[in-house]
N, C-alpha and C. Protein backbone atom coordinates (compact mmCIF):
# COMPACT_ATOMS: atom_id res chain seq x y z
N MET A 1 13.90 5.28 32.29
CA MET A 1 14.46 3.95 32.16
C MET A 1 13.36 2.99 31.66
N VAL A 2 13.73 2.11 30.79
CA VAL A 2 12.81 1.14 30.22
C VAL A 2 12.72 -0.07 31.14
N ASP A 3 11.51 -0.59 31.32
CA ASP A 3 11.34 -1.79 32.13
C ASP A 3 12.02 -2.97 31.44
N GLN A 4 12.28 -4.03 32.19
CA GLN A 4 12.95 -5.22 31.68
C GLN A 4 11.96 -6.17 31.02
N ASP A 5 11.04 -5.66 30.23
CA ASP A 5 9.99 -6.47 29.61
C ASP A 5 10.49 -7.47 28.58
N LEU A 6 11.70 -7.32 28.10
CA LEU A 6 12.22 -8.22 27.07
C LEU A 6 13.29 -9.15 27.62
N HIS A 7 13.36 -9.25 28.94
CA HIS A 7 14.39 -10.05 29.59
C HIS A 7 14.41 -11.48 29.06
N GLY A 8 15.60 -11.93 28.69
CA GLY A 8 15.79 -13.30 28.25
C GLY A 8 15.46 -13.56 26.79
N HIS A 9 15.00 -12.56 26.08
CA HIS A 9 14.65 -12.74 24.67
C HIS A 9 15.80 -12.31 23.77
N ARG A 10 15.97 -13.06 22.69
CA ARG A 10 17.02 -12.77 21.71
C ARG A 10 16.38 -12.04 20.52
N ILE A 11 16.82 -10.80 20.30
CA ILE A 11 16.21 -9.94 19.29
C ILE A 11 17.25 -9.61 18.21
N LEU A 12 16.92 -9.97 16.98
CA LEU A 12 17.75 -9.62 15.83
C LEU A 12 17.44 -8.19 15.41
N VAL A 13 18.49 -7.41 15.19
CA VAL A 13 18.33 -6.04 14.71
C VAL A 13 19.06 -5.92 13.37
N VAL A 14 18.32 -5.52 12.34
CA VAL A 14 18.90 -5.26 11.03
C VAL A 14 18.72 -3.77 10.74
N GLU A 15 19.83 -3.05 10.76
CA GLU A 15 19.81 -1.59 10.59
C GLU A 15 21.18 -1.17 10.07
N ASP A 16 21.20 -0.39 8.98
CA ASP A 16 22.46 0.01 8.37
C ASP A 16 22.99 1.37 8.84
N GLU A 17 22.18 2.16 9.50
CA GLU A 17 22.64 3.45 10.02
C GLU A 17 23.22 3.23 11.41
N TYR A 18 24.53 3.50 11.57
CA TYR A 18 25.23 3.16 12.80
C TYR A 18 24.56 3.75 14.04
N LEU A 19 24.26 5.04 14.03
CA LEU A 19 23.71 5.68 15.22
C LEU A 19 22.33 5.12 15.59
N ILE A 20 21.52 4.86 14.58
CA ILE A 20 20.20 4.26 14.85
C ILE A 20 20.38 2.85 15.39
N ALA A 21 21.27 2.08 14.77
CA ALA A 21 21.53 0.71 15.23
C ALA A 21 22.01 0.70 16.68
N ASP A 22 22.89 1.62 17.01
CA ASP A 22 23.40 1.69 18.37
C ASP A 22 22.31 2.08 19.36
N ASP A 23 21.45 3.02 18.98
CA ASP A 23 20.33 3.40 19.84
C ASP A 23 19.37 2.23 20.05
N LEU A 24 19.08 1.49 18.98
CA LEU A 24 18.19 0.32 19.11
C LEU A 24 18.81 -0.73 20.01
N ARG A 25 20.10 -0.99 19.82
CA ARG A 25 20.80 -1.98 20.65
C ARG A 25 20.73 -1.58 22.12
N THR A 26 21.01 -0.32 22.40
CA THR A 26 20.98 0.17 23.78
C THR A 26 19.58 0.02 24.38
N ALA A 27 18.56 0.44 23.65
CA ALA A 27 17.19 0.35 24.15
C ALA A 27 16.79 -1.09 24.42
N LEU A 28 17.14 -1.98 23.53
CA LEU A 28 16.79 -3.39 23.72
C LEU A 28 17.54 -4.00 24.90
N GLU A 29 18.81 -3.68 25.04
CA GLU A 29 19.58 -4.19 26.17
C GLU A 29 19.05 -3.64 27.49
N MET A 30 18.65 -2.37 27.50
CA MET A 30 18.06 -1.80 28.72
C MET A 30 16.75 -2.48 29.08
N ALA A 31 16.07 -3.01 28.07
CA ALA A 31 14.82 -3.73 28.31
C ALA A 31 15.08 -5.20 28.65
N GLY A 32 16.34 -5.58 28.73
CA GLY A 32 16.70 -6.93 29.15
C GLY A 32 16.93 -7.92 28.03
N ALA A 33 16.86 -7.48 26.78
CA ALA A 33 17.02 -8.39 25.65
C ALA A 33 18.49 -8.66 25.36
N GLU A 34 18.73 -9.80 24.75
CA GLU A 34 20.04 -10.08 24.16
C GLU A 34 19.92 -9.68 22.69
N VAL A 35 20.78 -8.80 22.24
CA VAL A 35 20.70 -8.28 20.88
C VAL A 35 21.60 -9.10 19.97
N LEU A 36 21.03 -9.57 18.88
CA LEU A 36 21.77 -10.25 17.83
C LEU A 36 22.05 -9.21 16.76
N GLY A 37 23.29 -8.89 16.55
CA GLY A 37 23.67 -7.79 15.68
C GLY A 37 23.95 -6.58 16.54
N PRO A 38 23.59 -5.43 16.06
CA PRO A 38 22.90 -5.14 14.82
C PRO A 38 23.74 -5.52 13.60
N VAL A 39 23.06 -5.98 12.56
CA VAL A 39 23.72 -6.28 11.31
C VAL A 39 23.32 -5.22 10.28
N PRO A 40 24.29 -4.81 9.43
CA PRO A 40 24.04 -3.69 8.52
C PRO A 40 23.66 -4.06 7.09
N SER A 41 23.37 -5.34 6.83
CA SER A 41 23.02 -5.71 5.46
C SER A 41 22.09 -6.92 5.44
N VAL A 42 21.41 -7.08 4.34
CA VAL A 42 20.53 -8.24 4.14
C VAL A 42 21.36 -9.52 4.19
N ALA A 43 22.52 -9.53 3.52
CA ALA A 43 23.37 -10.72 3.51
C ALA A 43 23.81 -11.10 4.92
N ASP A 44 24.20 -10.11 5.72
CA ASP A 44 24.60 -10.38 7.10
C ASP A 44 23.44 -10.94 7.91
N ALA A 45 22.25 -10.42 7.68
CA ALA A 45 21.07 -10.91 8.39
C ALA A 45 20.78 -12.36 8.00
N GLU A 46 20.84 -12.66 6.72
CA GLU A 46 20.59 -14.02 6.25
C GLU A 46 21.62 -14.99 6.83
N GLU A 47 22.88 -14.56 6.88
CA GLU A 47 23.94 -15.40 7.44
C GLU A 47 23.72 -15.65 8.93
N LEU A 48 23.37 -14.62 9.67
CA LEU A 48 23.12 -14.77 11.10
C LEU A 48 21.94 -15.71 11.35
N ILE A 49 20.87 -15.55 10.59
CA ILE A 49 19.70 -16.42 10.75
C ILE A 49 20.06 -17.88 10.45
N ALA A 50 20.87 -18.09 9.43
CA ALA A 50 21.27 -19.45 9.07
C ALA A 50 22.18 -20.08 10.13
N SER A 51 23.03 -19.26 10.75
CA SER A 51 23.98 -19.81 11.72
C SER A 51 23.45 -19.85 13.14
N ASP A 52 22.42 -19.07 13.44
CA ASP A 52 21.90 -18.99 14.80
C ASP A 52 20.38 -18.80 14.75
N PRO A 53 19.66 -19.88 14.49
CA PRO A 53 18.21 -19.75 14.32
C PRO A 53 17.43 -19.52 15.62
N ALA A 54 18.10 -19.45 16.76
CA ALA A 54 17.39 -19.24 18.03
C ALA A 54 17.12 -17.75 18.23
N ILE A 55 16.22 -17.24 17.40
CA ILE A 55 15.86 -15.82 17.42
C ILE A 55 14.41 -15.74 17.91
N ASP A 56 14.17 -14.89 18.89
CA ASP A 56 12.82 -14.75 19.43
C ASP A 56 11.98 -13.73 18.67
N ALA A 57 12.64 -12.69 18.15
CA ALA A 57 11.93 -11.65 17.40
C ALA A 57 12.98 -10.83 16.65
N ALA A 58 12.50 -9.98 15.75
CA ALA A 58 13.43 -9.15 14.99
C ALA A 58 12.86 -7.76 14.75
N LEU A 59 13.77 -6.82 14.62
CA LEU A 59 13.45 -5.45 14.27
C LEU A 59 14.17 -5.18 12.95
N LEU A 60 13.41 -4.96 11.88
CA LEU A 60 13.97 -4.89 10.53
C LEU A 60 13.80 -3.52 9.89
N ASP A 61 14.90 -2.90 9.52
CA ASP A 61 14.83 -1.71 8.68
C ASP A 61 14.38 -2.18 7.31
N VAL A 62 13.51 -1.45 6.65
CA VAL A 62 12.97 -1.87 5.36
C VAL A 62 13.99 -1.74 4.24
N ASN A 63 14.75 -0.66 4.25
CA ASN A 63 15.74 -0.42 3.21
C ASN A 63 17.13 -0.44 3.86
N VAL A 64 17.89 -1.49 3.55
CA VAL A 64 19.21 -1.66 4.16
C VAL A 64 20.25 -1.58 3.06
N ARG A 65 21.02 -0.51 3.07
CA ARG A 65 22.03 -0.26 2.05
C ARG A 65 21.45 -0.36 0.64
N GLY A 66 20.27 0.17 0.47
CA GLY A 66 19.62 0.20 -0.83
C GLY A 66 18.93 -1.09 -1.23
N GLU A 67 18.94 -2.08 -0.35
CA GLU A 67 18.31 -3.37 -0.63
C GLU A 67 17.10 -3.55 0.29
N GLN A 68 16.01 -4.03 -0.27
CA GLN A 68 14.81 -4.27 0.52
C GLN A 68 14.99 -5.49 1.43
N ILE A 69 14.38 -5.46 2.59
CA ILE A 69 14.56 -6.48 3.63
C ILE A 69 13.61 -7.67 3.49
N PHE A 70 12.80 -7.69 2.47
CA PHE A 70 11.69 -8.63 2.41
C PHE A 70 12.09 -10.10 2.33
N ALA A 71 13.25 -10.42 1.77
CA ALA A 71 13.72 -11.82 1.77
C ALA A 71 13.98 -12.29 3.20
N VAL A 72 14.52 -11.40 4.02
CA VAL A 72 14.74 -11.72 5.44
C VAL A 72 13.40 -11.88 6.15
N ALA A 73 12.47 -11.00 5.88
CA ALA A 73 11.14 -11.09 6.48
C ALA A 73 10.48 -12.42 6.12
N ASP A 74 10.60 -12.82 4.86
CA ASP A 74 10.01 -14.09 4.43
C ASP A 74 10.64 -15.27 5.17
N ARG A 75 11.95 -15.23 5.35
CA ARG A 75 12.64 -16.31 6.06
C ARG A 75 12.18 -16.37 7.52
N LEU A 76 12.03 -15.21 8.15
CA LEU A 76 11.56 -15.19 9.54
C LEU A 76 10.14 -15.74 9.64
N ILE A 77 9.30 -15.44 8.67
CA ILE A 77 7.94 -16.00 8.66
C ILE A 77 8.01 -17.52 8.59
N GLU A 78 8.87 -18.05 7.72
CA GLU A 78 9.04 -19.51 7.60
C GLU A 78 9.45 -20.13 8.94
N LEU A 79 10.28 -19.41 9.69
CA LEU A 79 10.77 -19.91 10.97
C LEU A 79 9.81 -19.62 12.13
N GLY A 80 8.75 -18.87 11.86
CA GLY A 80 7.80 -18.54 12.91
C GLY A 80 8.31 -17.48 13.87
N VAL A 81 9.22 -16.63 13.39
CA VAL A 81 9.80 -15.57 14.23
C VAL A 81 9.04 -14.27 13.98
N PRO A 82 8.45 -13.68 15.01
CA PRO A 82 7.76 -12.41 14.83
C PRO A 82 8.76 -11.28 14.57
N PHE A 83 8.33 -10.29 13.83
CA PHE A 83 9.20 -9.16 13.55
C PHE A 83 8.39 -7.88 13.39
N VAL A 84 9.14 -6.78 13.48
CA VAL A 84 8.57 -5.45 13.33
C VAL A 84 9.39 -4.72 12.27
N PHE A 85 8.73 -4.07 11.35
CA PHE A 85 9.43 -3.21 10.41
C PHE A 85 9.70 -1.88 11.08
N ALA A 86 10.92 -1.40 10.94
CA ALA A 86 11.30 -0.07 11.43
C ALA A 86 11.71 0.73 10.21
N THR A 87 10.99 1.80 9.93
CA THR A 87 11.25 2.49 8.67
C THR A 87 10.85 3.95 8.72
N GLY A 88 11.45 4.71 7.85
CA GLY A 88 11.05 6.08 7.65
C GLY A 88 10.03 6.20 6.52
N TYR A 89 9.78 5.08 5.85
CA TYR A 89 8.81 5.04 4.75
C TYR A 89 7.40 4.86 5.29
N ASP A 90 6.42 5.22 4.48
CA ASP A 90 5.04 5.04 4.91
C ASP A 90 4.58 3.60 4.65
N GLN A 91 3.41 3.27 5.11
CA GLN A 91 2.87 1.91 5.00
C GLN A 91 2.78 1.44 3.55
N ALA A 92 2.57 2.37 2.61
CA ALA A 92 2.44 2.01 1.20
C ALA A 92 3.72 1.42 0.63
N SER A 93 4.86 1.65 1.27
CA SER A 93 6.13 1.11 0.78
C SER A 93 6.34 -0.34 1.17
N ILE A 94 5.46 -0.87 2.00
CA ILE A 94 5.56 -2.26 2.45
C ILE A 94 4.52 -3.07 1.68
N PRO A 95 4.95 -4.17 1.04
CA PRO A 95 4.01 -4.98 0.27
C PRO A 95 2.81 -5.44 1.09
N ASP A 96 1.67 -5.58 0.43
CA ASP A 96 0.42 -5.97 1.09
C ASP A 96 0.54 -7.28 1.85
N ARG A 97 1.41 -8.18 1.42
CA ARG A 97 1.52 -9.48 2.10
C ARG A 97 2.00 -9.34 3.55
N TYR A 98 2.52 -8.17 3.89
CA TYR A 98 2.97 -7.91 5.26
C TYR A 98 2.02 -6.98 6.01
N SER A 99 0.82 -6.83 5.53
CA SER A 99 -0.10 -5.86 6.14
C SER A 99 -0.43 -6.18 7.59
N ASP A 100 -0.25 -7.45 7.99
CA ASP A 100 -0.53 -7.83 9.37
C ASP A 100 0.68 -7.65 10.28
N ARG A 101 1.80 -7.22 9.73
CA ARG A 101 3.03 -7.06 10.51
C ARG A 101 3.12 -5.64 11.04
N PRO A 102 3.54 -5.48 12.30
CA PRO A 102 3.64 -4.14 12.87
C PRO A 102 4.77 -3.33 12.22
N ARG A 103 4.59 -2.02 12.25
CA ARG A 103 5.56 -1.09 11.68
C ARG A 103 5.77 0.05 12.66
N LEU A 104 7.04 0.35 12.91
CA LEU A 104 7.41 1.52 13.70
C LEU A 104 8.00 2.55 12.76
N GLU A 105 7.55 3.78 12.89
CA GLU A 105 8.07 4.84 12.04
C GLU A 105 9.24 5.53 12.74
N LYS A 106 10.33 5.67 12.01
CA LYS A 106 11.51 6.35 12.56
C LYS A 106 11.23 7.85 12.64
N PRO A 107 11.78 8.53 13.64
CA PRO A 107 12.64 8.01 14.70
C PRO A 107 11.83 7.23 15.74
N ILE A 108 12.47 6.21 16.27
CA ILE A 108 11.81 5.30 17.20
C ILE A 108 12.26 5.62 18.62
N LYS A 109 11.30 5.65 19.52
CA LYS A 109 11.60 5.85 20.94
C LYS A 109 11.71 4.50 21.64
N SER A 110 12.50 4.43 22.67
CA SER A 110 12.74 3.19 23.41
C SER A 110 11.44 2.52 23.86
N ARG A 111 10.53 3.30 24.39
CA ARG A 111 9.27 2.72 24.89
C ARG A 111 8.46 2.10 23.77
N GLN A 112 8.54 2.68 22.56
CA GLN A 112 7.81 2.11 21.43
C GLN A 112 8.31 0.70 21.11
N ILE A 113 9.62 0.52 21.18
CA ILE A 113 10.21 -0.78 20.86
C ILE A 113 9.67 -1.84 21.81
N VAL A 114 9.74 -1.55 23.09
CA VAL A 114 9.28 -2.52 24.09
C VAL A 114 7.78 -2.75 23.96
N SER A 115 7.02 -1.68 23.78
CA SER A 115 5.56 -1.85 23.74
C SER A 115 5.09 -2.62 22.53
N ILE A 116 5.85 -2.62 21.45
CA ILE A 116 5.43 -3.37 20.27
C ILE A 116 6.01 -4.80 20.27
N LEU A 117 7.22 -4.98 20.79
CA LEU A 117 7.82 -6.32 20.80
C LEU A 117 7.27 -7.21 21.92
N HIS A 118 7.02 -6.63 23.06
CA HIS A 118 6.58 -7.46 24.21
C HIS A 118 5.34 -8.29 23.90
N PRO A 119 4.28 -7.72 23.34
CA PRO A 119 3.11 -8.56 23.03
C PRO A 119 3.40 -9.62 21.97
N LEU A 120 4.26 -9.30 21.01
CA LEU A 120 4.61 -10.30 19.98
C LEU A 120 5.31 -11.50 20.61
N LEU A 121 6.15 -11.25 21.57
CA LEU A 121 6.89 -12.32 22.24
C LEU A 121 5.98 -13.16 23.12
N GLN A 122 4.92 -12.59 23.62
CA GLN A 122 3.99 -13.34 24.45
C GLN A 122 3.16 -14.32 23.63
N MET A 123 3.05 -14.06 22.32
CA MET A 123 2.24 -14.90 21.44
C MET A 123 3.02 -16.12 20.94
N THR A 124 4.34 -16.13 21.11
CA THR A 124 5.14 -17.24 20.59
C THR A 124 5.29 -18.35 21.59
């Protein structure tokens, strides 16, 4: 069981693979987070951010339905929202401008999510 380290935090999840999205949602909820989404597209993520900017952190798949997530990442940076890239791609697939952003390699384990998000949330 995952500790409640994310209790009270609102976490946006952008993931287009249903089973992965559901696993991420479950892991985050078990850690006490309120999950926004999961949303399966860049457009859905942009819409959610525009309509509900009270986001504490985000977990972003890099390639969502064949579209890169970087416009969403840029918007989150503008809003001061920390995020983590979740991807099956290697670090070279992420532009250098995001080199300071954490990356989780799929498949992701529940403990990895909490251990990477918790410190980011403490910094905000």
